[in-house]
């Protein structure tokens, strides 16, 4: 005499649990379909911020390679002699203006000293 558990008593009897085989097949099919869909889906797209940073990195690298050549071209186009002459003229004018102001201040201070001496009787 064989002892069987109560839960396995009707496991071989298809009429005991109708539809379980179909339900199990549907569940296995859904799991298999979901797994295949996950394997075949396209890669996750990076966020817009990551794309912007990537593009900025590429652009910076391109400009870093071209920078020496572009700097030389810009320096060749600059009128360095004209800039030097213009700057020299402005500096000379500023120097003269400062000299004039200092001379006026010294003259005013001398007048103030004379007035003070006269007032004090020295």
PDB file of N, CA and C in Angstrom:
ATOM      1  N   UNK A   1       0.823  -1.151   0.000  1.00  0.00           N
ATOM      2  CA  UNK A   1       0.000   0.000   0.000  1.00  0.00           C
ATOM      3  C   UNK A   1       0.882   1.233   0.000  1.00  0.00           C
ATOM      4  N   UNK A   2       0.608   2.099  -0.935  1.00  0.00           N
ATOM      5  CA  UNK A   2       1.441   3.287  -1.042  1.00  0.00           C
ATOM      6  C   UNK A   2       0.738   4.466  -0.406  1.00  0.00           C
ATOM      7  N   UNK A   3       1.540   5.262   0.248  1.00  0.00           N
ATOM      8  CA  UNK A   3       0.972   6.437   0.884  1.00  0.00           C
ATOM      9  C   UNK A   3       1.132   7.625  -0.053  1.00  0.00           C
ATOM     10  N   UNK A   4       0.036   8.333  -0.280  1.00  0.00           N
ATOM     11  CA  UNK A   4       0.074   9.523  -1.138  1.00  0.00           C
ATOM     12  C   UNK A   4      -0.389  10.715  -0.335  1.00  0.00           C
ATOM     13  N   UNK A   5       0.174  11.833  -0.685  1.00  0.00           N
ATOM     14  CA  UNK A   5      -0.249  13.048   0.008  1.00  0.00           C
ATOM     15  C   UNK A   5      -1.613  13.457  -0.506  1.00  0.00           C
ATOM     16  N   UNK A   6      -2.300  14.175   0.293  1.00  0.00           N
ATOM     17  CA  UNK A   6      -3.654  14.601  -0.073  1.00  0.00           C
ATOM     18  C   UNK A   6      -3.613  15.601  -1.204  1.00  0.00           C
ATOM     19  N   UNK A   7      -2.533  16.463  -1.294  1.00  0.00           N
ATOM     20  CA  UNK A   7      -2.471  17.470  -2.341  1.00  0.00           C
ATOM     21  C   UNK A   7      -2.145  16.850  -3.691  1.00  0.00           C
ATOM     22  N   UNK A   8      -1.551  15.673  -3.723  1.00  0.00           N
ATOM     23  CA  UNK A   8      -1.192  15.038  -4.981  1.00  0.00           C
ATOM     24  C   UNK A   8      -2.200  13.974  -5.370  1.00  0.00           C
ATOM     25  N   UNK A   9      -3.303  13.897  -4.680  1.00  0.00           N
ATOM     26  CA  UNK A   9      -4.259  12.833  -4.931  1.00  0.00           C
ATOM     27  C   UNK A   9      -4.854  12.930  -6.323  1.00  0.00           C
ATOM     28  N   UNK A  10      -5.172  14.106  -6.806  1.00  0.00           N
ATOM     29  CA  UNK A  10      -5.806  14.224  -8.110  1.00  0.00           C
ATOM     30  C   UNK A  10      -4.914  14.847  -9.147  1.00  0.00           C
ATOM     31  N   UNK A  11      -3.619  14.778  -8.990  1.00  0.00           N
ATOM     32  CA  UNK A  11      -2.688  15.426  -9.909  1.00  0.00           C
ATOM     33  C   UNK A  11      -2.713  14.778 -11.271  1.00  0.00           C
ATOM     34  N   UNK A  12      -2.991  13.479 -11.370  1.00  0.00           N
ATOM     35  CA  UNK A  12      -3.016  12.799 -12.656  1.00  0.00           C
ATOM     36  C   UNK A  12      -4.374  12.893 -13.310  1.00  0.00           C
ATOM     37  N   UNK A  13      -5.344  13.311 -12.597  1.00  0.00           N
ATOM     38  CA  UNK A  13      -6.715  13.369 -13.118  1.00  0.00           C
ATOM     39  C   UNK A  13      -6.954  14.721 -13.772  1.00  0.00           C
ATOM     40  N   UNK A  14      -7.101  14.799 -15.137  1.00  0.00           N
ATOM     41  CA  UNK A  14      -7.298  16.080 -15.810  1.00  0.00           C
ATOM     42  C   UNK A  14      -8.637  16.727 -15.485  1.00  0.00           C
ATOM     43  N   UNK A  15      -9.594  15.997 -15.123  1.00  0.00           N
ATOM     44  CA  UNK A  15     -10.892  16.596 -14.838  1.00  0.00           C
ATOM     45  C   UNK A  15     -10.918  17.224 -13.458  1.00  0.00           C
ATOM     46  N   UNK A  16      -9.952  16.903 -12.652  1.00  0.00           N
ATOM     47  CA  UNK A  16      -9.909  17.443 -11.318  1.00  0.00           C
ATOM     48  C   UNK A  16      -9.573  18.934 -11.338  1.00  0.00           C
ATOM     49  N   UNK A  17      -8.630  19.376 -12.218  1.00  0.00           N
ATOM     50  CA  UNK A  17      -8.206  20.772 -12.330  1.00  0.00           C
ATOM     51  C   UNK A  17      -8.280  21.201 -13.786  1.00  0.00           C
ATOM     52  N   UNK A  18      -9.414  21.490 -14.279  1.00  0.00           N
ATOM     53  CA  UNK A  18      -9.511  21.858 -15.692  1.00  0.00           C
ATOM     54  C   UNK A  18      -8.915  23.237 -15.949  1.00  0.00           C
ATOM     55  N   UNK A  19      -8.194  23.408 -17.050  1.00  0.00           N
ATOM     56  CA  UNK A  19      -7.658  24.702 -17.460  1.00  0.00           C
ATOM     57  C   UNK A  19      -6.305  25.048 -16.891  1.00  0.00           C
ATOM     58  N   UNK A  20      -5.785  24.256 -15.956  1.00  0.00           N
ATOM     59  CA  UNK A  20      -4.474  24.571 -15.380  1.00  0.00           C
ATOM     60  C   UNK A  20      -3.371  24.427 -16.419  1.00  0.00           C
ATOM     61  N   UNK A  21      -3.487  23.412 -17.300  1.00  0.00           N
ATOM     62  CA  UNK A  21      -2.464  23.226 -18.317  1.00  0.00           C
ATOM     63  C   UNK A  21      -2.446  24.395 -19.286  1.00  0.00           C
ATOM     64  N   UNK A  22      -3.623  24.887 -19.644  1.00  0.00           N
ATOM     65  CA  UNK A  22      -3.708  26.029 -20.557  1.00  0.00           C
ATOM     66  C   UNK A  22      -3.156  27.283 -19.857  1.00  0.00           C
ATOM     67  N   UNK A  23      -3.514  27.462 -18.628  1.00  0.00           N
ATOM     68  CA  UNK A  23      -3.030  28.607 -17.869  1.00  0.00           C
ATOM     69  C   UNK A  23      -1.500  28.572 -17.726  1.00  0.00           C
ATOM     70  N   UNK A  24      -0.952  27.417 -17.473  1.00  0.00           N
ATOM     71  CA  UNK A  24       0.494  27.269 -17.361  1.00  0.00           C
ATOM     72  C   UNK A  24       1.160  27.549 -18.700  1.00  0.00           C
ATOM     73  N   UNK A  25       0.573  27.079 -19.795  1.00  0.00           N
ATOM     74  CA  UNK A  25       1.136  27.326 -21.124  1.00  0.00           C
ATOM     75  C   UNK A  25       1.100  28.812 -21.458  1.00  0.00           C
ATOM     76  N   UNK A  26       0.012  29.483 -21.090  1.00  0.00           N
ATOM     77  CA  UNK A  26      -0.095  30.926 -21.328  1.00  0.00           C
ATOM     78  C   UNK A  26       0.951  31.672 -20.511  1.00  0.00           C
ATOM     79  N   UNK A  27       1.130  31.293 -19.267  1.00  0.00           N
ATOM     80  CA  UNK A  27       2.115  31.957 -18.413  1.00  0.00           C
ATOM     81  C   UNK A  27       3.529  31.752 -18.950  1.00  0.00           C
ATOM     82  N   UNK A  28       3.856  30.528 -19.364  1.00  0.00           N
ATOM     83  CA  UNK A  28       5.186  30.269 -19.929  1.00  0.00           C
ATOM     84  C   UNK A  28       5.383  31.030 -21.233  1.00  0.00           C
ATOM     85  N   UNK A  29       4.355  31.104 -22.058  1.00  0.00           N
ATOM     86  CA  UNK A  29       4.448  31.848 -23.321  1.00  0.00           C
ATOM     87  C   UNK A  29       4.649  33.335 -23.074  1.00  0.00           C
ATOM     88  N   UNK A  30       3.948  33.885 -22.069  1.00  0.00           N
ATOM     89  CA  UNK A  30       4.104  35.305 -21.744  1.00  0.00           C
ATOM     90  C   UNK A  30       5.512  35.585 -21.234  1.00  0.00           C
ATOM     91  N   UNK A  31       6.027  34.698 -20.376  1.00  0.00           N
ATOM     92  CA  UNK A  31       7.386  34.875 -19.866  1.00  0.00           C
ATOM     93  C   UNK A  31       8.411  34.788 -20.988  1.00  0.00           C
ATOM     94  N   UNK A  32       8.250  33.823 -21.868  1.00  0.00           N
ATOM     95  CA  UNK A  32       9.190  33.673 -22.983  1.00  0.00           C
ATOM     96  C   UNK A  32       9.105  34.889 -23.908  1.00  0.00           C
ATOM     97  N   UNK A  33       7.903  35.363 -24.191  1.00  0.00           N
ATOM     98  CA  UNK A  33       7.731  36.540 -25.052  1.00  0.00           C
ATOM     99  C   UNK A  33       8.352  37.785 -24.440  1.00  0.00           C
ATOM    100  N   UNK A  34       8.163  37.963 -23.135  1.00  0.00           N
ATOM    101  CA  UNK A  34       8.744  39.127 -22.462  1.00  0.00           C
ATOM    102  C   UNK A  34      10.267  39.051 -22.494  1.00  0.00           C
ATOM    103  N   UNK A  35      10.830  37.867 -22.279  1.00  0.00           N
ATOM    104  CA  UNK A  35      12.290  37.713 -22.325  1.00  0.00           C
ATOM    105  C   UNK A  35      12.851  38.008 -23.704  1.00  0.00           C
ATOM    106  N   UNK A  36      12.184  37.487 -24.729  1.00  0.00           N
ATOM    107  CA  UNK A  36      12.647  37.740 -26.103  1.00  0.00           C
ATOM    108  C   UNK A  36      12.522  39.220 -26.433  1.00  0.00           C
ATOM    109  N   UNK A  37      11.431  39.855 -26.017  1.00  0.00           N
ATOM    110  CA  UNK A  37      11.246  41.286 -26.277  1.00  0.00           C
ATOM    111  C   UNK A  37      12.343  42.108 -25.598  1.00  0.00           C
ATOM    112  N   UNK A  38      12.725  41.717 -24.393  1.00  0.00           N
ATOM    113  CA  UNK A  38      13.788  42.449 -23.696  1.00  0.00           C
ATOM    114  C   UNK A  38      15.135  42.265 -24.381  1.00  0.00           C
ATOM    115  N   UNK A  39      15.371  41.086 -24.942  1.00  0.00           N
ATOM    116  CA  UNK A  39      16.637  40.839 -25.633  1.00  0.00           C
ATOM    117  C   UNK A  39      16.710  41.589 -26.966  1.00  0.00           C
ATOM    118  N   UNK A  40      15.575  41.737 -27.630  1.00  0.00           N
ATOM    119  CA  UNK A  40      15.578  42.339 -28.969  1.00  0.00           C
ATOM    120  C   UNK A  40      15.310  43.842 -28.980  1.00  0.00           C
ATOM    121  N   UNK A  41      15.006  44.439 -27.846  1.00  0.00           N
ATOM    122  CA  UNK A  41      14.689  45.868 -27.838  1.00  0.00           C
ATOM    123  C   UNK A  41      15.954  46.692 -28.102  1.00  0.00           C
ATOM    124  N   UNK A  42      15.795  47.899 -28.642  1.00  0.00           N
ATOM    125  CA  UNK A  42      16.967  48.731 -28.905  1.00  0.00           C
ATOM    126  C   UNK A  42      17.599  49.198 -27.598  1.00  0.00           C
ATOM    127  N   UNK A  43      18.844  49.606 -27.695  1.00  0.00           N
ATOM    128  CA  UNK A  43      19.565  50.073 -26.510  1.00  0.00           C
ATOM    129  C   UNK A  43      18.883  51.311 -25.947  1.00  0.00           C
ATOM    130  N   UNK A  44      19.047  51.520 -24.671  1.00  0.00           N
ATOM    131  CA  UNK A  44      18.446  52.675 -24.009  1.00  0.00           C
ATOM    132  C   UNK A  44      19.116  53.945 -24.530  1.00  0.00           C
ATOM    133  N   UNK A  45      18.302  54.910 -24.950  1.00  0.00           N
ATOM    134  CA  UNK A  45      18.830  56.168 -25.464  1.00  0.00           C
ATOM    135  C   UNK A  45      19.326  57.021 -24.306  1.00  0.00           C
ATOM    136  N   UNK A  46      20.476  57.673 -24.475  1.00  0.00           N
ATOM    137  CA  UNK A  46      20.967  58.534 -23.393  1.00  0.00           C
ATOM    138  C   UNK A  46      20.069  59.757 -23.237  1.00  0.00           C
ATOM    139  N   UNK A  47      20.109  60.344 -22.073  1.00  0.00           N
ATOM    140  CA  UNK A  47      19.287  61.521 -21.806  1.00  0.00           C
ATOM    141  C   UNK A  47      19.801  62.704 -22.631  1.00  0.00           C
ATOM    142  N   UNK A  48      18.974  63.727 -22.844  1.00  0.00           N
ATOM    143  CA  UNK A  48      19.411  64.885 -23.638  1.00  0.00           C
ATOM    144  C   UNK A  48      20.654  65.559 -23.072  1.00  0.00           C
ATOM    145  N   UNK A  49      20.788  65.601 -21.759  1.00  0.00           N
ATOM    146  CA  UNK A  49      21.963  66.222 -21.161  1.00  0.00           C
ATOM    147  C   UNK A  49      23.242  65.472 -21.508  1.00  0.00           C
ATOM    148  N   UNK A  50      23.166  64.151 -21.514  1.00  0.00           N
ATOM    149  CA  UNK A  50      24.338  63.345 -21.851  1.00  0.00           C
ATOM    150  C   UNK A  50      24.713  63.570 -23.314  1.00  0.00           C
ATOM    151  N   UNK A  51      23.694  63.647 -24.191  1.00  0.00           N
ATOM    152  CA  UNK A  51      23.979  63.890 -25.610  1.00  0.00           C
ATOM    153  C   UNK A  51      24.622  65.250 -25.813  1.00  0.00           C
ATOM    154  N   UNK A  52      24.144  66.257 -25.099  1.00  0.00           N
ATOM    155  CA  UNK A  52      24.713  67.604 -25.236  1.00  0.00           C
ATOM    156  C   UNK A  52      26.169  67.603 -24.777  1.00  0.00           C
ATOM    157  N   UNK A  53      26.448  66.948 -23.655  1.00  0.00           N
ATOM    158  CA  UNK A  53      27.819  66.890 -23.160  1.00  0.00           C
ATOM    159  C   UNK A  53      28.736  66.146 -24.125  1.00  0.00           C
ATOM    160  N   UNK A  54      28.227  65.067 -24.732  1.00  0.00           N
ATOM    161  CA  UNK A  54      29.025  64.327 -25.701  1.00  0.00           C
ATOM    162  C   UNK A  54      29.358  65.192 -26.912  1.00  0.00           C
ATOM    163  N   UNK A  55      28.354  65.906 -27.421  1.00  0.00           N
ATOM    164  CA  UNK A  55      28.584  66.788 -28.565  1.00  0.00           C
ATOM    165  C   UNK A  55      29.544  67.910 -28.207  1.00  0.00           C
ATOM    166  N   UNK A  56      29.413  68.457 -27.005  1.00  0.00           N
ATOM    167  CA  UNK A  56      30.317  69.527 -26.580  1.00  0.00           C
ATOM    168  C   UNK A  56      31.749  69.010 -26.488  1.00  0.00           C
ATOM    169  N   UNK A  57      31.914  67.797 -26.029  1.00  0.00           N
ATOM    170  CA  UNK A  57      33.249  67.206 -25.925  1.00  0.00           C
ATOM    171  C   UNK A  57      33.867  67.047 -27.307  1.00  0.00           C
ATOM    172  N   UNK A  58      33.074  66.568 -28.275  1.00  0.00           N
ATOM    173  CA  UNK A  58      33.588  66.419 -29.638  1.00  0.00           C
ATOM    174  C   UNK A  58      33.966  67.767 -30.234  1.00  0.00           C
ATOM    175  N   UNK A  59      33.100  68.761 -30.038  1.00  0.00           N
ATOM    176  CA  UNK A  59      33.368  70.092 -30.577  1.00  0.00           C
ATOM    177  C   UNK A  59      34.619  70.687 -29.955  1.00  0.00           C
ATOM    178  N   UNK A  60      34.772  70.527 -28.643  1.00  0.00           N
ATOM    179  CA  UNK A  60      35.955  71.057 -27.960  1.00  0.00           C
ATOM    180  C   UNK A  60      37.218  70.381 -28.480  1.00  0.00           C
ATOM    181  N   UNK A  61      37.163  69.087 -28.712  1.00  0.00           N
ATOM    182  CA  UNK A  61      38.334  68.379 -29.230  1.00  0.00           C
ATOM    183  C   UNK A  61      38.685  68.880 -30.630  1.00  0.00           C
ATOM    184  N   UNK A  62      37.672  69.127 -31.460  1.00  0.00           N
ATOM    185  CA  UNK A  62      37.919  69.634 -32.811  1.00  0.00           C
ATOM    186  C   UNK A  62      38.562  71.021 -32.753  1.00  0.00           C
ATOM    187  N   UNK A  63      38.037  71.891 -31.898  1.00  0.00           N
ATOM    188  CA  UNK A  63      38.603  73.239 -31.789  1.00  0.00           C
ATOM    189  C   UNK A  63      40.001  73.210 -31.170  1.00  0.00           C
ATOM    190  N   UNK A  64      40.249  72.271 -30.273  1.00  0.00           N
ATOM    191  CA  UNK A  64      41.573  72.162 -29.671  1.00  0.00           C
ATOM    192  C   UNK A  64      42.609  71.794 -30.730  1.00  0.00           C
ATOM    193  N   UNK A  65      42.234  70.929 -31.672  1.00  0.00           N
ATOM    194  CA  UNK A  65      43.155  70.568 -32.749  1.00  0.00           C
ATOM    195  C   UNK A  65      43.397  71.735 -33.690  1.00  0.00           C
ATOM    196  N   UNK A  66      42.348  72.520 -33.973  1.00  0.00           N
ATOM    197  CA  UNK A  66      42.456  73.615 -34.936  1.00  0.00           C
ATOM    198  C   UNK A  66      42.940  74.914 -34.316  1.00  0.00           C
ATOM    199  N   UNK A  67      43.041  75.002 -33.016  1.00  0.00           N
ATOM    200  CA  UNK A  67      43.332  76.273 -32.339  1.00  0.00           C
ATOM    201  C   UNK A  67      44.664  76.897 -32.750  1.00  0.00           C
ATOM    202  N   UNK A  68      45.761  76.174 -32.792  1.00  0.00           N
ATOM    203  CA  UNK A  68      47.027  76.838 -33.150  1.00  0.00           C
ATOM    204  C   UNK A  68      46.989  77.468 -34.542  1.00  0.00           C
ATOM    205  N   UNK A  69      46.414  76.742 -35.489  1.00  0.00           N
ATOM    206  CA  UNK A  69      46.338  77.264 -36.853  1.00  0.00           C
ATOM    207  C   UNK A  69      45.449  78.507 -36.906  1.00  0.00           C
ATOM    208  N   UNK A  70      44.320  78.443 -36.228  1.00  0.00           N
ATOM    209  CA  UNK A  70      43.397  79.584 -36.244  1.00  0.00           C
ATOM    210  C   UNK A  70      43.992  80.787 -35.520  1.00  0.00           C
ATOM    211  N   UNK A  71      44.725  80.541 -34.447  1.00  0.00           N
ATOM    212  CA  UNK A  71      45.340  81.648 -33.716  1.00  0.00           C
ATOM    213  C   UNK A  71      46.387  82.336 -34.583  1.00  0.00           C
ATOM    214  N   UNK A  72      47.171  81.551 -35.316  1.00  0.00           N
ATOM    215  CA  UNK A  72      48.179  82.139 -36.205  1.00  0.00           C
ATOM    216  C   UNK A  72      47.512  82.975 -37.292  1.00  0.00           C
ATOM    217  N   UNK A  73      46.404  82.479 -37.843  1.00  0.00           N
ATOM    218  CA  UNK A  73      45.687  83.238 -38.875  1.00  0.00           C
ATOM    219  C   UNK A  73      45.153  84.551 -38.311  1.00  0.00           C
ATOM    220  N   UNK A  74      44.600  84.509 -37.099  1.00  0.00           N
ATOM    221  CA  UNK A  74      44.069  85.724 -36.487  1.00  0.00           C
ATOM    222  C   UNK A  74      45.174  86.735 -36.210  1.00  0.00           C
ATOM    223  N   UNK A  75      46.311  86.266 -35.730  1.00  0.00           N
ATOM    224  CA  UNK A  75      47.425  87.167 -35.456  1.00  0.00           C
ATOM    225  C   UNK A  75      47.955  87.794 -36.743  1.00  0.00           C
ATOM    226  N   UNK A  76      47.943  87.037 -37.822  1.00  0.00           N
ATOM    227  CA  UNK A  76      48.394  87.591 -39.095  1.00  0.00           C
ATOM    228  C   UNK A  76      47.459  88.687 -39.587  1.00  0.00           C
ATOM    229  N   UNK A  77      46.183  88.569 -39.285  1.00  0.00           N
ATOM    230  CA  UNK A  77      45.205  89.562 -39.755  1.00  0.00           C
ATOM    231  C   UNK A  77      45.155  90.812 -38.891  1.00  0.00           C
ATOM    232  N   UNK A  78      45.673  90.733 -37.663  1.00  0.00           N
ATOM    233  CA  UNK A  78      45.617  91.897 -36.777  1.00  0.00           C
ATOM    234  C   UNK A  78      46.627  92.969 -37.207  1.00  0.00           C
ATOM    235  N   UNK A  79      46.206  94.228 -37.241  1.00  0.00           N
ATOM    236  CA  UNK A  79      47.132  95.318 -37.577  1.00  0.00           C
ATOM    237  C   UNK A  79      47.917  95.730 -36.325  1.00  0.00           C
ATOM    238  N   UNK A  80      48.933  94.960 -35.988  1.00  0.00           N
ATOM    239  CA  UNK A  80      49.670  95.177 -34.748  1.00  0.00           C
ATOM    240  C   UNK A  80      50.370  96.540 -34.724  1.00  0.00           C
ATOM    241  N   UNK A  81      50.900  96.982 -35.850  1.00  0.00           N
ATOM    242  CA  UNK A  81      51.587  98.277 -35.879  1.00  0.00           C
ATOM    243  C   UNK A  81      50.617  99.416 -35.615  1.00  0.00           C
ATOM    244  N   UNK A  82      49.438  99.358 -36.228  1.00  0.00           N
ATOM    245  CA  UNK A  82      48.430 100.400 -36.000  1.00  0.00           C
ATOM    246  C   UNK A  82      47.975 100.416 -34.546  1.00  0.00           C
ATOM    247  N   UNK A  83      47.804  99.224 -33.995  1.00  0.00           N
ATOM    248  CA  UNK A  83      47.392  99.134 -32.587  1.00  0.00           C
ATOM    249  C   UNK A  83      48.470  99.737 -31.696  1.00  0.00           C
ATOM    250  N   UNK A  84      49.732  99.439 -31.981  1.00  0.00           N
ATOM    251  CA  UNK A  84      50.827  99.979 -31.182  1.00  0.00           C
ATOM    252  C   UNK A  84      50.891 101.494 -31.256  1.00  0.00           C
ATOM    253  N   UNK A  85      50.726 102.049 -32.461  1.00  0.00           N
ATOM    254  CA  UNK A  85      50.756 103.507 -32.609  1.00  0.00           C
ATOM    255  C   UNK A  85      49.592 104.158 -31.875  1.00  0.00           C
ATOM    256  N   UNK A  86      48.416 103.592 -32.036  1.00  0.00           N
ATOM    257  CA  UNK A  86      47.223 104.148 -31.392  1.00  0.00           C
ATOM    258  C   UNK A  86      47.356 104.086 -29.866  1.00  0.00           C
ATOM    259  N   UNK A  87      47.825 102.960 -29.367  1.00  0.00           N
ATOM    260  CA  UNK A  87      47.995 102.807 -27.928  1.00  0.00           C
ATOM    261  C   UNK A  87      49.043 103.792 -27.402  1.00  0.00           C
ATOM    262  N   UNK A  88      50.121 103.958 -28.155  1.00  0.00           N
ATOM    263  CA  UNK A  88      51.150 104.912 -27.754  1.00  0.00           C
ATOM    264  C   UNK A  88      50.610 106.331 -27.689  1.00  0.00           C
ATOM    265  N   UNK A  89      49.786 106.718 -28.667  1.00  0.00           N
ATOM    266  CA  UNK A  89      49.206 108.062 -28.675  1.00  0.00           C
ATOM    267  C   UNK A  89      48.285 108.257 -27.470  1.00  0.00           C
ATOM    268  N   UNK A  90      47.469 107.256 -27.178  1.00  0.00           N
ATOM    269  CA  UNK A  90      46.564 107.357 -26.025  1.00  0.00           C
ATOM    270  C   UNK A  90      47.344 107.445 -24.712  1.00  0.00           C
ATOM    271  N   UNK A  91      48.410 106.659 -24.594  1.00  0.00           N
ATOM    272  CA  UNK A  91      49.216 106.711 -23.375  1.00  0.00           C
ATOM    273  C   UNK A  91      49.897 108.068 -23.214  1.00  0.00           C
ATOM    274  N   UNK A  92      50.375 108.641 -24.314  1.00  0.00           N
ATOM    275  CA  UNK A  92      51.018 109.967 -24.252  1.00  0.00           C
ATOM    276  C   UNK A  92      50.008 111.025 -23.826  1.00  0.00           C
ATOM    277  N   UNK A  93      48.784 110.962 -24.381  1.00  0.00           N
ATOM    278  CA  UNK A  93      47.746 111.922 -24.011  1.00  0.00           C
ATOM    279  C   UNK A  93      47.383 111.774 -22.532  1.00  0.00           C
ATOM    280  N   UNK A  94      47.276 110.537 -22.056  1.00  0.00           N
ATOM    281  CA  UNK A  94      46.948 110.300 -20.643  1.00  0.00           C
ATOM    282  C   UNK A  94      48.066 110.822 -19.750  1.00  0.00           C
ATOM    283  N   UNK A  95      49.321 110.594 -20.152  1.00  0.00           N
ATOM    284  CA  UNK A  95      50.457 111.074 -19.371  1.00  0.00           C
ATOM    285  C   UNK A  95      50.445 112.596 -19.273  1.00  0.00           C
ATOM    286  N   UNK A  96      50.160 113.272 -20.392  1.00  0.00           N
ATOM    287  CA  UNK A  96      50.102 114.743 -20.387  1.00  0.00           C
ATOM    288  C   UNK A  96      48.978 115.249 -19.496  1.00  0.00           C
ATOM    289  N   UNK A  97      47.816 114.592 -19.553  1.00  0.00           N
ATOM    290  CA  UNK A  97      46.686 115.005 -18.717  1.00  0.00           C
ATOM    291  C   UNK A  97      47.016 114.842 -17.238  1.00  0.00           C
ATOM    292  N   UNK A  98      47.671 113.739 -16.894  1.00  0.00           N
ATOM    293  CA  UNK A  98      48.056 113.534 -15.499  1.00  0.00           C
ATOM    294  C   UNK A  98      49.064 114.588 -15.066  1.00  0.00           C
ATOM    295  N   UNK A  99      50.031 114.888 -15.918  1.00  0.00           N
ATOM    296  CA  UNK A  99      51.024 115.926 -15.596  1.00  0.00           C
ATOM    297  C   UNK A  99      50.358 117.274 -15.369  1.00  0.00           C
ATOM    298  N   UNK A 100      49.381 117.628 -16.211  1.00  0.00           N
ATOM    299  CA  UNK A 100      48.667 118.898 -16.058  1.00  0.00           C
ATOM    300  C   UNK A 100      47.920 118.962 -14.740  1.00  0.00           C
ATOM    301  N   UNK A 101      47.239 117.870 -14.377  1.00  0.00           N
ATOM    302  CA  UNK A 101      46.483 117.847 -13.123  1.00  0.00           C
ATOM    303  C   UNK A 101      47.426 117.962 -11.940  1.00  0.00           C
ATOM    304  N   UNK A 102      48.533 117.248 -11.965  1.00  0.00           N
ATOM    305  CA  UNK A 102      49.490 117.298 -10.857  1.00  0.00           C
ATOM    306  C   UNK A 102      50.075 118.701 -10.740  1.00  0.00           C
ATOM    307  N   UNK A 103      50.408 119.331 -11.861  1.00  0.00           N
ATOM    308  CA  UNK A 103      50.968 120.689 -11.830  1.00  0.00           C
ATOM    309  C   UNK A 103      49.959 121.674 -11.230  1.00  0.00           C
ATOM    310  N   UNK A 104      48.690 121.566 -11.601  1.00  0.00           N
ATOM    311  CA  UNK A 104      47.639 122.420 -11.035  1.00  0.00           C
ATOM    312  C   UNK A 104      47.517 122.223  -9.541  1.00  0.00           C
ATOM    313  N   UNK A 105      47.545 120.970  -9.101  1.00  0.00           N
ATOM    314  CA  UNK A 105      47.427 120.676  -7.669  1.00  0.00           C
ATOM    315  C   UNK A 105      48.613 121.264  -6.902  1.00  0.00           C
ATOM    316  N   UNK A 106      49.805 121.134  -7.453  1.00  0.00           N
ATOM    317  CA  UNK A 106      50.990 121.693  -6.776  1.00  0.00           C
ATOM    318  C   UNK A 106      50.872 123.209  -6.677  1.00  0.00           C
ATOM    319  N   UNK A 107      50.412 123.849  -7.767  1.00  0.00           N
ATOM    320  CA  UNK A 107      50.239 125.302  -7.767  1.00  0.00           C
ATOM    321  C   UNK A 107      49.217 125.716  -6.713  1.00  0.00           C
ATOM    322  N   UNK A 108      48.104 124.994  -6.612  1.00  0.00           N
ATOM    323  CA  UNK A 108      47.079 125.305  -5.609  1.00  0.00           C
ATOM    324  C   UNK A 108      47.615 125.110  -4.190  1.00  0.00           C
ATOM    325  N   UNK A 109      48.404 124.061  -3.980  1.00  0.00           N
ATOM    326  CA  UNK A 109      48.971 123.815  -2.659  1.00  0.00           C
ATOM    327  C   UNK A 109      49.953 124.933  -2.270  1.00  0.00           C
ATOM    328  N   UNK A 110      50.736 125.407  -3.210  1.00  0.00           N
ATOM    329  CA  UNK A 110      51.677 126.495  -2.910  1.00  0.00           C
ATOM    330  C   UNK A 110      50.919 127.764  -2.522  1.00  0.00           C
ATOM    331  N   UNK A 111      49.822 128.031  -3.229  1.00  0.00           N
ATOM    332  CA  UNK A 111      49.007 129.206  -2.888  1.00  0.00           C
ATOM    333  C   UNK A 111      48.447 129.068  -1.478  1.00  0.00           C
ATOM    334  N   UNK A 112      47.964 127.859  -1.158  1.00  0.00           N
ATOM    335  CA  UNK A 112      47.395 127.625   0.167  1.00  0.00           C
ATOM    336  C   UNK A 112      48.456 127.804   1.249  1.00  0.00           C
ATOM    337  N   UNK A 113      49.681 127.339   0.978  1.00  0.00           N
ATOM    338  CA  UNK A 113      50.778 127.506   1.951  1.00  0.00           C
ATOM    339  C   UNK A 113      51.085 128.993   2.142  1.00  0.00           C
ATOM    340  N   UNK A 114      51.138 129.773   1.042  1.00  0.00           N
ATOM    341  CA  UNK A 114      51.417 131.209   1.147  1.00  0.00           C
ATOM    342  C   UNK A 114      50.346 131.910   1.982  1.00  0.00           C
ATOM    343  N   UNK A 115      49.088 131.548   1.749  1.00  0.00           N
ATOM    344  CA  UNK A 115      47.992 132.168   2.520  1.00  0.00           C
ATOM    345  C   UNK A 115      48.141 131.850   4.002  1.00  0.00           C
ATOM    346  N   UNK A 116      48.475 130.605   4.300  1.00  0.00           N
ATOM    347  CA  UNK A 116      48.642 130.206   5.701  1.00  0.00           C
ATOM    348  C   UNK A 116      49.809 130.969   6.344  1.00  0.00           C
ATOM    349  N   UNK A 117      50.891 131.124   5.642  1.00  0.00           N
ATOM    350  CA  UNK A 117      52.039 131.858   6.182  1.00  0.00           C
ATOM    351  C   UNK A 117      51.681 133.326   6.442  1.00  0.00           C
ATOM    352  N   UNK A 118      50.952 133.907   5.475  1.00  0.00           N
ATOM    353  CA  UNK A 118      50.546 135.308   5.619  1.00  0.00           C
ATOM    354  C   UNK A 118      49.632 135.444   6.828  1.00  0.00           C
ATOM    355  N   UNK A 119      48.741 134.534   7.001  1.00  0.00           N
ATOM    356  CA  UNK A 119      47.798 134.564   8.111  1.00  0.00           C
ATOM    357  C   UNK A 119      48.519 134.422   9.433  1.00  0.00           C
ATOM    358  N   UNK A 120      49.527 133.543   9.467  1.00  0.00           N
ATOM    359  CA  UNK A 120      50.275 133.297  10.697  1.00  0.00           C
ATOM    360  C   UNK A 120      51.350 134.365  10.924  1.00  0.00           C
ATOM    361  N   UNK A 121      51.666 135.123   9.905  1.00  0.00           N
ATOM    362  CA  UNK A 121      52.680 136.164  10.035  1.00  0.00           C
ATOM    363  C   UNK A 121      54.088 135.633   9.932  1.00  0.00           C
ATOM    364  N   UNK A 122      54.281 134.572   9.249  1.00  0.00           N
ATOM    365  CA  UNK A 122      55.628 133.999   9.115  1.00  0.00           C
ATOM    366  C   UNK A 122      56.305 134.513   7.883  1.00  0.00           C
TER     367      UNK A 122
END
